[in-house]
Amino acid sequence: MWQEIWTAVIVEFSDIPDLATMTRIVLRLVLAAILGGVIGYERERKASSAGVRTHMLVAVGAALFVIGPLQAGMEISDMSRVLQGIVQGVGFLGAGAILVRAGQQKILGLTTAANIWVTAGIGVVVGLGLEATAILSTVIVLTILAVVPFIVQASDHDDITQK
C-alpha cells in the first residue's frame, strides 16, 4: 500500500522531467520577477499604488500562465486564448489603479495601470522563452518612464516662456 502511495506521489510531481527543464522554468520565473521588480521599483519611487511586489507578481503570474500550458503540451498556436485571458485579466487589475477625481477634473493612475499591463506583457514574453526581447522591452519601458517626464516638463516650460 505505501509503495502504491509513493508511486502516486512521484507520478503526480513528475511534470518536470529533467534538470534542464527545471533550470529553464526557474530562470524564466526569476527573470520575470526581476524585470517586473525593476519596473515596480520606478513606480514605488513615485509613491504609486502598485509597487515592486505588485509588478513582480504580475510578471511572474503572466509567465506562469504561459509556462504551465507549454509544460502541459499546449501548442504555441493555441496559446492565443491564454494570452487573451491574461490581457483581459490584467486590464481589470490595471483599472483598479485608476482613480477619477471628478471635483478636480483629474485622472490619476493611468501610468501605473499601463505599467501593470506592460509588465504582464514582459512576463508573457519571458514565459515564452524570449528573454532578450523581455530585457529590451524593460529597458524601453524604463527609458520612457525616465525621459518622457523631462520632455513634457521642458515642453510646458517652453509654452510658458513663449506666452
Protein backbone atom coordinates (compact mmCIF):
# COMPACT_ATOMS: atom_id res chain seq x y z
CA MET A 1 0.00 0.00 0.00
CA TRP A 2 2.76 2.50 0.92
CA GLN A 3 4.58 1.69 -2.29
CA GLU A 4 1.42 2.50 -4.24
CA ILE A 5 1.01 5.81 -2.43
CA TRP A 6 4.66 6.70 -3.00
CA THR A 7 4.36 5.85 -6.71
CA ALA A 8 1.24 8.03 -6.98
CA VAL A 9 3.08 10.93 -5.33
CA ILE A 10 6.06 10.55 -7.67
CA VAL A 11 3.80 10.44 -10.73
CA GLU A 12 1.84 13.46 -9.52
CA PHE A 13 5.01 15.56 -9.19
CA SER A 14 6.66 14.40 -12.41
CA ASP A 15 5.66 17.35 -14.59
CA ILE A 16 9.30 18.49 -14.65
CA PRO A 17 11.05 15.61 -16.39
CA ASP A 18 14.69 16.64 -16.02
CA LEU A 19 17.12 19.15 -14.57
CA ALA A 20 17.37 21.13 -17.82
CA THR A 21 13.60 21.73 -17.82
CA MET A 22 13.64 22.71 -14.16
CA THR A 23 16.51 25.13 -14.77
CA ARG A 24 14.66 26.69 -17.71
CA ILE A 25 11.48 27.16 -15.65
CA VAL A 26 13.34 28.62 -12.67
CA LEU A 27 15.32 31.02 -14.88
CA ARG A 28 12.18 32.23 -16.63
CA LEU A 29 10.24 32.78 -13.41
CA VAL A 30 13.16 34.50 -11.68
CA LEU A 31 13.81 36.73 -14.70
CA ALA A 32 10.13 37.66 -14.84
CA ALA A 33 10.26 38.57 -11.14
CA ILE A 34 13.41 40.66 -11.59
CA LEU A 35 12.14 42.56 -14.63
CA GLY A 36 8.77 43.16 -13.01
CA GLY A 37 10.53 44.31 -9.85
CA VAL A 38 12.68 46.80 -11.74
CA ILE A 39 9.60 48.39 -13.31
CA GLY A 40 7.77 48.26 -9.98
CA TYR A 41 10.67 49.99 -8.25
CA GLU A 42 10.24 53.00 -10.51
CA ARG A 43 6.54 53.15 -9.62
CA GLU A 44 7.26 52.74 -5.91
CA ARG A 45 9.73 55.63 -6.03
CA LYS A 46 6.89 57.75 -7.42
CA ALA A 47 4.66 56.64 -4.49
CA SER A 48 2.35 54.76 -6.84
CA SER A 49 -0.37 52.42 -5.60
CA ALA A 50 1.29 49.47 -7.35
CA GLY A 51 4.93 48.98 -6.45
CA VAL A 52 7.66 46.37 -6.53
CA ARG A 53 5.68 43.41 -5.19
CA THR A 54 2.65 44.02 -7.40
CA HIS A 55 4.73 44.28 -10.55
CA MET A 56 6.81 41.23 -9.62
CA LEU A 57 3.67 39.18 -9.02
CA VAL A 58 2.06 40.34 -12.27
CA ALA A 59 5.18 39.39 -14.27
CA VAL A 60 5.60 36.01 -12.56
CA GLY A 61 1.88 35.27 -12.88
CA ALA A 62 1.87 36.09 -16.59
CA ALA A 63 4.98 33.95 -17.14
CA LEU A 64 3.40 31.11 -15.18
CA PHE A 65 0.19 31.26 -17.23
CA VAL A 66 2.36 30.71 -20.31
CA ILE A 67 4.85 28.19 -18.88
CA GLY A 68 2.13 25.94 -17.42
CA PRO A 69 0.25 25.29 -20.66
CA LEU A 70 3.51 24.87 -22.57
CA GLN A 71 4.67 22.31 -20.00
CA ALA A 72 1.34 20.53 -20.38
CA GLY A 73 1.90 20.23 -24.13
CA MET A 74 -0.24 23.08 -25.47
CA GLU A 75 0.76 24.11 -28.95
CA ILE A 76 2.03 27.65 -29.44
CA SER A 77 -0.77 28.18 -31.98
CA ASP A 78 -3.35 27.51 -29.23
CA MET A 79 -1.69 29.95 -26.85
CA SER A 80 -3.74 32.90 -28.17
CA ARG A 81 -6.65 32.05 -25.86
CA VAL A 82 -4.34 32.03 -22.84
CA LEU A 83 -2.82 35.35 -23.88
CA GLN A 84 -6.28 36.84 -24.38
CA GLY A 85 -7.20 35.84 -20.83
CA ILE A 86 -4.02 37.38 -19.43
CA VAL A 87 -4.56 40.68 -21.24
CA GLN A 88 -8.18 40.82 -20.12
CA GLY A 89 -7.46 39.90 -16.51
CA VAL A 90 -4.59 42.33 -16.18
CA GLY A 91 -6.78 45.01 -17.72
CA PHE A 92 -9.15 44.65 -14.77
CA LEU A 93 -6.23 44.78 -12.35
CA GLY A 94 -4.91 47.93 -14.02
CA ALA A 95 -8.35 49.52 -13.94
CA GLY A 96 -8.22 49.24 -10.17
CA ALA A 97 -5.18 51.52 -10.15
CA ILE A 98 -7.03 54.34 -11.93
CA LEU A 99 -8.68 57.00 -9.79
CA VAL A 100 -11.02 59.66 -11.13
CA ARG A 101 -11.36 62.82 -9.10
CA ALA A 102 -14.40 64.46 -10.62
CA GLY A 103 -14.25 67.55 -8.40
CA GLN A 104 -10.72 68.32 -9.56
CA GLN A 105 -11.28 67.06 -13.12
CA LYS A 106 -8.24 64.85 -12.65
CA ILE A 107 -7.47 61.24 -13.54
CA LEU A 108 -4.73 59.52 -11.56
CA GLY A 109 -3.04 56.16 -12.01
CA LEU A 110 -3.01 55.83 -15.79
CA THR A 111 0.76 55.36 -15.92
CA THR A 112 0.58 52.76 -13.15
CA ALA A 113 -2.21 50.92 -14.98
CA ALA A 114 -0.18 50.97 -18.19
CA ASN A 115 2.84 49.73 -16.25
CA ILE A 116 0.88 46.79 -14.87
CA TRP A 117 -0.30 45.97 -18.38
CA VAL A 118 3.16 46.16 -19.96
CA THR A 119 4.65 44.20 -17.04
CA ALA A 120 2.24 41.37 -17.83
CA GLY A 121 3.39 41.53 -21.45
CA ILE A 122 7.00 41.26 -20.35
CA GLY A 123 6.09 38.30 -18.14
CA VAL A 124 4.41 36.59 -21.09
CA VAL A 125 7.44 37.12 -23.29
CA VAL A 126 9.73 35.70 -20.59
CA GLY A 127 7.39 32.72 -20.17
CA LEU A 128 7.65 32.03 -23.89
CA GLY A 129 11.43 31.95 -23.59
CA LEU A 130 12.09 35.24 -25.36
CA GLU A 131 14.36 36.61 -22.66
CA ALA A 132 16.29 39.10 -24.81
CA THR A 133 13.02 40.62 -26.04
CA ALA A 134 11.82 40.91 -22.44
CA ILE A 135 15.02 42.64 -21.31
CA LEU A 136 14.94 45.02 -24.28
CA SER A 137 11.27 45.81 -23.58
CA THR A 138 12.07 46.53 -19.94
CA VAL A 139 14.87 48.91 -20.94
CA ILE A 140 12.49 50.71 -23.32
CA VAL A 141 9.79 50.97 -20.63
CA LEU A 142 12.29 52.35 -18.10
CA THR A 143 13.59 54.82 -20.67
CA ILE A 144 10.05 56.03 -21.36
CA LEU A 145 9.37 56.43 -17.65
CA ALA A 146 12.64 58.30 -17.09
CA VAL A 147 12.86 60.51 -20.19
CA VAL A 148 9.31 61.45 -21.18
CA PRO A 149 8.55 63.43 -17.98
CA PHE A 150 11.56 65.67 -18.69
CA ILE A 151 10.48 66.20 -22.30
CA VAL A 152 6.94 67.08 -21.23
CA GLN A 153 8.23 69.36 -18.47
CA ALA A 154 10.58 71.13 -20.90
CA SER A 155 7.73 71.50 -23.39
CA ASP A 156 5.47 73.00 -20.72
CA HIS A 157 8.27 75.38 -19.73
CA ASP A 158 8.73 76.46 -23.37
CA ASP A 159 4.98 77.11 -23.70
CA ILE A 160 5.03 79.33 -20.62
CA THR A 161 8.07 81.36 -21.73
CA GLN A 162 6.67 81.90 -25.24
CA LYS A 163 3.39 83.40 -23.94
